[in-house]
Amino acid sequence: MAGPYRCSHCTRTFKMPAHLARHQSSHKAKKPAAKTGKGVGRSSGRVAGINLSAVSLEDLSRIIQAARDEASRRIAELQKAMG
């Protein structure tokens, strides 16, 4: 059952404008290298609101390192508070 919101880049339609907006951002995203092997054709999905197929490995590495740094900072604060 198609909705009233049609993508201007392809033939997909959506029931909700937010879903259309999310889909349209995929047309603008940097395309990853061709995939081969197990899982080909599957959507890479999202983690914590990040479209993983649109993130370069360098950016993903920076995001992971920032999360590690933040976790370490919070652990140090908790240890200090506990005495």
C-alpha atoms as a PDB file:
ATOM      1  CA  MET A   1       0.000   0.000   0.000  1.00  0.00           C
ATOM      2  CA  ALA A   2       1.723   3.136  -1.233  1.00  0.00           C
ATOM      3  CA  GLY A   3       1.506   6.436   0.590  1.00  0.00           C
ATOM      4  CA  PRO A   4       1.099   9.965  -0.697  1.00  0.00           C
ATOM      5  CA  TYR A   5       4.776  10.895  -0.278  1.00  0.00           C
ATOM      6  CA  ARG A   6       6.851  10.039  -3.377  1.00  0.00           C
ATOM      7  CA  CYS A   7      10.630  10.241  -3.665  1.00  0.00           C
ATOM      8  CA  SER A   8      11.717  12.644  -6.388  1.00  0.00           C
ATOM      9  CA  HIS A   9      14.865  10.562  -7.051  1.00  0.00           C
ATOM     10  CA  CYS A  10      13.310   7.122  -7.497  1.00  0.00           C
ATOM     11  CA  THR A  11       9.939   5.340  -7.518  1.00  0.00           C
ATOM     12  CA  ARG A  12       9.591   4.699  -3.763  1.00  0.00           C
ATOM     13  CA  THR A  13       6.595   6.037  -1.859  1.00  0.00           C
ATOM     14  CA  PHE A  14       6.051   6.471   1.872  1.00  0.00           C
ATOM     15  CA  LYS A  15       3.120   6.967   4.227  1.00  0.00           C
ATOM     16  CA  MET A  16       4.964   9.434   6.440  1.00  0.00           C
ATOM     17  CA  PRO A  17       6.991  12.520   5.442  1.00  0.00           C
ATOM     18  CA  ALA A  18       9.694  11.683   7.998  1.00  0.00           C
ATOM     19  CA  HIS A  19      10.274   8.316   6.334  1.00  0.00           C
ATOM     20  CA  LEU A  20      10.538  10.018   2.942  1.00  0.00           C
ATOM     21  CA  ALA A  21      13.052  12.534   4.336  1.00  0.00           C
ATOM     22  CA  ARG A  22      15.168   9.732   5.829  1.00  0.00           C
ATOM     23  CA  HIS A  23      15.070   7.840   2.532  1.00  0.00           C
ATOM     24  CA  GLN A  24      15.960  10.900   0.446  1.00  0.00           C
ATOM     25  CA  SER A  25      19.093  11.468   2.522  1.00  0.00           C
ATOM     26  CA  SER A  26      20.315   8.082   1.253  1.00  0.00           C
ATOM     27  CA  HIS A  27      20.413   9.504  -2.277  1.00  0.00           C
ATOM     28  CA  LYS A  28      22.841  12.203  -1.115  1.00  0.00           C
ATOM     29  CA  ALA A  29      25.058   9.927   0.980  1.00  0.00           C
ATOM     30  CA  LYS A  30      28.528   8.876  -0.106  1.00  0.00           C
ATOM     31  CA  LYS A  31      28.234   5.436  -1.710  1.00  0.00           C
ATOM     32  CA  PRO A  32      30.404   2.699  -0.174  1.00  0.00           C
ATOM     33  CA  ALA A  33      32.651   0.483  -2.266  1.00  0.00           C
ATOM     34  CA  ALA A  34      30.994  -2.465  -3.992  1.00  0.00           C
ATOM     35  CA  LYS A  35      30.114  -5.236  -1.561  1.00  0.00           C
ATOM     36  CA  THR A  36      30.923  -8.868  -2.140  1.00  0.00           C
ATOM     37  CA  GLY A  37      30.363 -12.046  -0.205  1.00  0.00           C
ATOM     38  CA  LYS A  38      28.021 -12.894   2.641  1.00  0.00           C
ATOM     39  CA  GLY A  39      25.243 -10.385   3.336  1.00  0.00           C
ATOM     40  CA  VAL A  40      25.335  -8.696  -0.068  1.00  0.00           C
ATOM     41  CA  GLY A  41      22.207  -6.688  -0.670  1.00  0.00           C
ATOM     42  CA  ARG A  42      21.327  -6.273   2.988  1.00  0.00           C
ATOM     43  CA  SER A  43      20.771  -2.831   4.442  1.00  0.00           C
ATOM     44  CA  SER A  44      23.592  -1.742   6.727  1.00  0.00           C
ATOM     45  CA  GLY A  45      21.113  -0.022   9.044  1.00  0.00           C
ATOM     46  CA  ARG A  46      21.659   2.636  11.639  1.00  0.00           C
ATOM     47  CA  VAL A  47      23.452   2.713  14.962  1.00  0.00           C
ATOM     48  CA  ALA A  48      22.683   5.501  17.434  1.00  0.00           C
ATOM     49  CA  GLY A  49      21.083   7.509  14.641  1.00  0.00           C
ATOM     50  CA  ILE A  50      24.096   7.226  12.351  1.00  0.00           C
ATOM     51  CA  ASN A  51      23.573   5.882   8.844  1.00  0.00           C
ATOM     52  CA  LEU A  52      26.609   3.593   8.719  1.00  0.00           C
ATOM     53  CA  SER A  53      26.630   3.319   4.938  1.00  0.00           C
ATOM     54  CA  ALA A  54      27.094   7.102   4.704  1.00  0.00           C
ATOM     55  CA  VAL A  55      30.057   7.303   7.124  1.00  0.00           C
ATOM     56  CA  SER A  56      33.655   6.904   6.003  1.00  0.00           C
ATOM     57  CA  LEU A  57      35.916   4.555   7.952  1.00  0.00           C
ATOM     58  CA  GLU A  58      37.986   7.522   9.139  1.00  0.00           C
ATOM     59  CA  ASP A  59      34.896   9.299  10.493  1.00  0.00           C
ATOM     60  CA  LEU A  60      33.643   6.107  12.110  1.00  0.00           C
ATOM     61  CA  SER A  61      37.042   5.626  13.748  1.00  0.00           C
ATOM     62  CA  ARG A  62      36.873   9.193  15.128  1.00  0.00           C
ATOM     63  CA  ILE A  63      33.338   8.601  16.450  1.00  0.00           C
ATOM     64  CA  ILE A  64      34.427   5.403  18.197  1.00  0.00           C
ATOM     65  CA  GLN A  65      37.503   7.070  19.709  1.00  0.00           C
ATOM     66  CA  ALA A  66      35.409  10.007  20.965  1.00  0.00           C
ATOM     67  CA  ALA A  67      32.980   7.557  22.590  1.00  0.00           C
ATOM     68  CA  ARG A  68      35.875   5.716  24.251  1.00  0.00           C
ATOM     69  CA  ASP A  69      37.351   8.993  25.519  1.00  0.00           C
ATOM     70  CA  GLU A  70      33.972  10.069  26.906  1.00  0.00           C
ATOM     71  CA  ALA A  71      33.475   6.691  28.625  1.00  0.00           C
ATOM     72  CA  SER A  72      36.958   6.881  30.174  1.00  0.00           C
ATOM     73  CA  ARG A  73      36.280  10.423  31.404  1.00  0.00           C
ATOM     74  CA  ARG A  74      32.998   9.379  33.012  1.00  0.00           C
ATOM     75  CA  ILE A  75      34.570   6.322  34.654  1.00  0.00           C
ATOM     76  CA  ALA A  76      37.332   8.514  36.108  1.00  0.00           C
ATOM     77  CA  GLU A  77      34.711  10.948  37.456  1.00  0.00           C
ATOM     78  CA  LEU A  78      32.764   8.100  39.075  1.00  0.00           C
ATOM     79  CA  GLN A  79      35.893   6.613  40.622  1.00  0.00           C
ATOM     80  CA  LYS A  80      36.873  10.009  42.012  1.00  0.00           C
ATOM     81  CA  ALA A  81      33.368  10.543  43.446  1.00  0.00           C
ATOM     82  CA  MET A  82      33.435   7.130  45.128  1.00  0.00           C
ATOM     83  CA  GLY A  83      36.689   7.981  46.881  1.00  0.00           C
END
